[in-house]
Each structure stands twice: as structure tokens, then as C-alpha cells.
Amino acid sequence: MLIQFSEDGTAKSVYSEKIDLNELGKVAHNRASHVEPNENGEWIADLSPVGGPTLGPFKLRSEAIQNEIEWIETKIFSS
């Protein structure tokens, strides 16, 4: 699980239950994307909430989620 801390002490992370973030302090959740099926039953990861692209289509929802996480960690956390 990747957690990025800012100089002011705030942190950002892709949601996971691996670590109880409430132990670190006040938690606010903000949606970074929407993973939804398309009209063909394939999966799309729409990253428009963070100014990103639409990824996919993917055969499996898990593939869409994995690509979503990789994009967020590469593009959002590296900036």
C-alpha cells in the first residue's frame, strides 16, 4: 500500500483495508475514478474525477482496477 505524505503532514493513498488509516488521524475519502461495465460487458476505468483518461476496456473488473491503481500511483503520486 502506497501512502504519500506532504510536508504539512497530510497523506494520500489509494483506498485499501491493509492499513487502518483512522489510526493515522482524520480520514477523508475522495473518489479518483469509476470502474463500471460498458454496454458489451467489458470493464472501463474512468479517471476523469482526477483529470485522467478512460482506461480499457478490460475483460475482467480486477484488470480494470489494477490498471486504475497503477495509473493513479504513477501519475498522481509521482507529481
N, C-alpha and C. Protein backbone atom coordinates (compact mmCIF):
# COMPACT_ATOMS: atom_id res chain seq x y z
N MET A 1 0.86 -1.18 0.00
CA MET A 1 0.00 0.00 0.00
C MET A 1 0.89 1.23 0.00
N LEU A 2 0.67 2.12 -0.94
CA LEU A 2 1.46 3.33 -1.08
C LEU A 2 0.74 4.48 -0.37
N ILE A 3 1.45 5.14 0.54
CA ILE A 3 0.93 6.33 1.22
C ILE A 3 1.94 7.44 0.99
N GLN A 4 1.46 8.57 0.49
CA GLN A 4 2.34 9.72 0.25
C GLN A 4 2.01 10.82 1.26
N PHE A 5 3.02 11.26 1.99
CA PHE A 5 2.86 12.31 2.99
C PHE A 5 3.38 13.63 2.45
N SER A 6 2.62 14.70 2.67
CA SER A 6 3.03 16.04 2.28
C SER A 6 3.79 16.68 3.43
N GLU A 7 4.48 17.78 3.15
CA GLU A 7 5.23 18.48 4.19
C GLU A 7 4.34 18.96 5.33
N ASP A 8 3.06 19.24 5.04
CA ASP A 8 2.15 19.70 6.09
C ASP A 8 1.56 18.56 6.92
N GLY A 9 1.97 17.32 6.63
CA GLY A 9 1.52 16.18 7.40
C GLY A 9 0.31 15.46 6.84
N THR A 10 -0.31 16.01 5.78
CA THR A 10 -1.43 15.30 5.17
C THR A 10 -0.89 14.13 4.35
N ALA A 11 -1.75 13.17 4.13
CA ALA A 11 -1.35 11.98 3.38
C ALA A 11 -2.40 11.66 2.33
N LYS A 12 -1.97 10.97 1.28
CA LYS A 12 -2.92 10.46 0.29
C LYS A 12 -2.53 9.05 -0.07
N SER A 13 -3.55 8.26 -0.43
CA SER A 13 -3.36 6.85 -0.69
C SER A 13 -4.53 6.34 -1.52
N VAL A 14 -4.30 5.27 -2.25
CA VAL A 14 -5.40 4.54 -2.87
C VAL A 14 -6.01 3.70 -1.76
N TYR A 15 -7.33 3.76 -1.61
CA TYR A 15 -8.00 3.07 -0.51
C TYR A 15 -7.69 1.58 -0.52
N SER A 16 -7.38 1.09 0.64
CA SER A 16 -7.16 -0.33 0.88
C SER A 16 -7.45 -0.58 2.35
N GLU A 17 -7.77 -1.79 2.67
CA GLU A 17 -8.01 -2.15 4.06
C GLU A 17 -6.77 -2.79 4.69
N LYS A 18 -5.63 -2.71 4.00
CA LYS A 18 -4.39 -3.29 4.52
C LYS A 18 -3.91 -2.56 5.77
N ILE A 19 -4.14 -1.25 5.81
CA ILE A 19 -3.75 -0.43 6.94
C ILE A 19 -4.98 0.36 7.38
N ASP A 20 -5.25 0.42 8.67
CA ASP A 20 -6.36 1.21 9.18
C ASP A 20 -5.92 2.67 9.22
N LEU A 21 -6.29 3.42 8.19
CA LEU A 21 -5.86 4.82 8.09
C LEU A 21 -6.40 5.69 9.22
N ASN A 22 -7.47 5.26 9.86
CA ASN A 22 -8.00 6.01 11.01
C ASN A 22 -6.99 6.08 12.15
N GLU A 23 -6.06 5.15 12.17
CA GLU A 23 -5.01 5.16 13.19
C GLU A 23 -4.05 6.34 12.99
N LEU A 24 -4.01 6.88 11.76
CA LEU A 24 -3.12 8.00 11.46
C LEU A 24 -3.74 9.36 11.76
N GLY A 25 -5.07 9.40 11.89
CA GLY A 25 -5.77 10.66 12.14
C GLY A 25 -7.06 10.74 11.36
N LYS A 26 -7.54 11.95 11.17
CA LYS A 26 -8.81 12.17 10.47
C LYS A 26 -8.68 11.73 9.00
N VAL A 27 -9.67 11.00 8.53
CA VAL A 27 -9.65 10.46 7.18
C VAL A 27 -10.76 11.10 6.34
N ALA A 28 -10.43 11.50 5.13
CA ALA A 28 -11.42 11.99 4.16
C ALA A 28 -11.26 11.16 2.89
N HIS A 29 -12.36 10.69 2.36
CA HIS A 29 -12.33 9.86 1.15
C HIS A 29 -12.79 10.71 -0.04
N ASN A 30 -12.02 10.65 -1.12
CA ASN A 30 -12.37 11.33 -2.36
C ASN A 30 -12.24 10.34 -3.50
N ARG A 31 -13.27 10.25 -4.33
CA ARG A 31 -13.25 9.32 -5.44
C ARG A 31 -12.28 9.79 -6.52
N ALA A 32 -11.41 8.88 -6.96
CA ALA A 32 -10.46 9.19 -8.03
C ALA A 32 -10.93 8.65 -9.37
N SER A 33 -11.85 7.69 -9.35
CA SER A 33 -12.29 7.09 -10.60
C SER A 33 -13.60 6.34 -10.40
N HIS A 34 -14.08 5.84 -11.52
CA HIS A 34 -15.28 4.99 -11.54
C HIS A 34 -14.94 3.77 -12.38
N VAL A 35 -15.08 2.59 -11.82
CA VAL A 35 -14.88 1.35 -12.58
C VAL A 35 -16.26 0.76 -12.80
N GLU A 36 -16.67 0.73 -14.07
CA GLU A 36 -18.02 0.32 -14.44
C GLU A 36 -17.99 -0.56 -15.69
N PRO A 37 -18.99 -1.41 -15.86
CA PRO A 37 -19.08 -2.18 -17.11
C PRO A 37 -19.61 -1.31 -18.24
N ASN A 38 -19.18 -1.61 -19.46
CA ASN A 38 -19.72 -0.92 -20.62
C ASN A 38 -20.87 -1.74 -21.22
N GLU A 39 -21.39 -1.30 -22.35
CA GLU A 39 -22.54 -1.97 -22.96
C GLU A 39 -22.22 -3.37 -23.47
N ASN A 40 -20.92 -3.69 -23.60
CA ASN A 40 -20.50 -5.03 -24.06
C ASN A 40 -20.13 -5.95 -22.92
N GLY A 41 -20.30 -5.49 -21.68
CA GLY A 41 -19.95 -6.30 -20.53
C GLY A 41 -18.48 -6.26 -20.18
N GLU A 42 -17.73 -5.38 -20.84
CA GLU A 42 -16.32 -5.19 -20.52
C GLU A 42 -16.22 -4.11 -19.46
N TRP A 43 -15.05 -3.98 -18.85
CA TRP A 43 -14.86 -3.04 -17.75
C TRP A 43 -14.02 -1.84 -18.16
N ILE A 44 -14.46 -0.66 -17.73
CA ILE A 44 -13.81 0.62 -18.03
C ILE A 44 -13.43 1.28 -16.71
N ALA A 45 -12.24 1.87 -16.66
CA ALA A 45 -11.82 2.67 -15.51
C ALA A 45 -11.80 4.13 -15.96
N ASP A 46 -12.75 4.91 -15.49
CA ASP A 46 -12.88 6.32 -15.85
C ASP A 46 -12.19 7.16 -14.77
N LEU A 47 -11.06 7.75 -15.12
CA LEU A 47 -10.28 8.54 -14.17
C LEU A 47 -10.54 10.04 -14.30
N SER A 48 -11.65 10.42 -14.90
CA SER A 48 -11.96 11.84 -15.08
C SER A 48 -12.09 12.61 -13.76
N PRO A 49 -12.48 11.99 -12.63
CA PRO A 49 -12.53 12.77 -11.39
C PRO A 49 -11.19 13.40 -10.98
N VAL A 50 -10.07 12.81 -11.46
CA VAL A 50 -8.74 13.38 -11.16
C VAL A 50 -8.07 13.91 -12.43
N GLY A 51 -8.89 14.19 -13.46
CA GLY A 51 -8.36 14.74 -14.70
C GLY A 51 -7.64 13.72 -15.57
N GLY A 52 -7.93 12.46 -15.37
CA GLY A 52 -7.25 11.41 -16.11
C GLY A 52 -8.07 10.85 -17.25
N PRO A 53 -7.52 9.86 -17.94
CA PRO A 53 -8.18 9.25 -19.10
C PRO A 53 -9.18 8.17 -18.69
N THR A 54 -9.79 7.58 -19.70
CA THR A 54 -10.60 6.38 -19.52
C THR A 54 -9.72 5.22 -19.97
N LEU A 55 -9.58 4.23 -19.11
CA LEU A 55 -8.75 3.06 -19.41
C LEU A 55 -9.64 1.88 -19.76
N GLY A 56 -9.18 1.09 -20.70
CA GLY A 56 -9.92 -0.12 -21.06
C GLY A 56 -10.41 -0.06 -22.49
N PRO A 57 -11.21 -1.00 -22.85
CA PRO A 57 -11.94 -1.93 -22.00
C PRO A 57 -11.09 -3.13 -21.57
N PHE A 58 -11.50 -3.71 -20.44
CA PHE A 58 -10.85 -4.89 -19.88
C PHE A 58 -11.88 -6.01 -19.76
N LYS A 59 -11.44 -7.23 -19.94
CA LYS A 59 -12.33 -8.38 -19.82
C LYS A 59 -12.80 -8.57 -18.38
N LEU A 60 -11.87 -8.35 -17.43
CA LEU A 60 -12.17 -8.57 -16.02
C LEU A 60 -12.17 -7.27 -15.24
N ARG A 61 -13.05 -7.17 -14.26
CA ARG A 61 -13.09 -5.99 -13.38
C ARG A 61 -11.77 -5.83 -12.64
N SER A 62 -11.19 -6.93 -12.22
CA SER A 62 -9.91 -6.87 -11.50
C SER A 62 -8.80 -6.27 -12.36
N GLU A 63 -8.84 -6.51 -13.67
CA GLU A 63 -7.85 -5.90 -14.58
C GLU A 63 -8.05 -4.39 -14.64
N ALA A 64 -9.30 -3.96 -14.69
CA ALA A 64 -9.59 -2.52 -14.71
C ALA A 64 -9.11 -1.86 -13.43
N ILE A 65 -9.36 -2.50 -12.29
CA ILE A 65 -8.94 -1.94 -11.00
C ILE A 65 -7.42 -1.90 -10.90
N GLN A 66 -6.74 -2.94 -11.34
CA GLN A 66 -5.28 -2.96 -11.28
C GLN A 66 -4.69 -1.83 -12.14
N ASN A 67 -5.23 -1.65 -13.35
CA ASN A 67 -4.75 -0.58 -14.23
C ASN A 67 -5.08 0.79 -13.65
N GLU A 68 -6.23 0.92 -13.03
CA GLU A 68 -6.62 2.16 -12.35
C GLU A 68 -5.61 2.50 -11.26
N ILE A 69 -5.28 1.55 -10.42
CA ILE A 69 -4.33 1.78 -9.33
C ILE A 69 -2.95 2.14 -9.87
N GLU A 70 -2.49 1.41 -10.88
CA GLU A 70 -1.19 1.71 -11.47
C GLU A 70 -1.15 3.12 -12.05
N TRP A 71 -2.22 3.53 -12.74
CA TRP A 71 -2.25 4.88 -13.31
C TRP A 71 -2.21 5.92 -12.20
N ILE A 72 -3.02 5.75 -11.18
CA ILE A 72 -3.06 6.71 -10.07
C ILE A 72 -1.70 6.80 -9.39
N GLU A 73 -1.11 5.66 -9.08
CA GLU A 73 0.18 5.68 -8.39
C GLU A 73 1.29 6.27 -9.26
N THR A 74 1.23 6.08 -10.56
CA THR A 74 2.24 6.64 -11.46
C THR A 74 2.03 8.11 -11.71
N LYS A 75 0.80 8.51 -11.98
CA LYS A 75 0.52 9.90 -12.40
C LYS A 75 0.22 10.85 -11.23
N ILE A 76 -0.51 10.39 -10.24
CA ILE A 76 -0.91 11.26 -9.14
C ILE A 76 0.17 11.31 -8.06
N PHE A 77 0.70 10.15 -7.69
CA PHE A 77 1.66 10.12 -6.59
C PHE A 77 3.06 10.56 -7.01
N SER A 78 3.35 10.54 -8.30
CA SER A 78 4.69 10.95 -8.74
C SER A 78 4.76 12.46 -8.96
N SER A 79 3.62 13.15 -8.88
CA SER A 79 3.64 14.60 -9.12
C SER A 79 3.83 15.38 -7.83
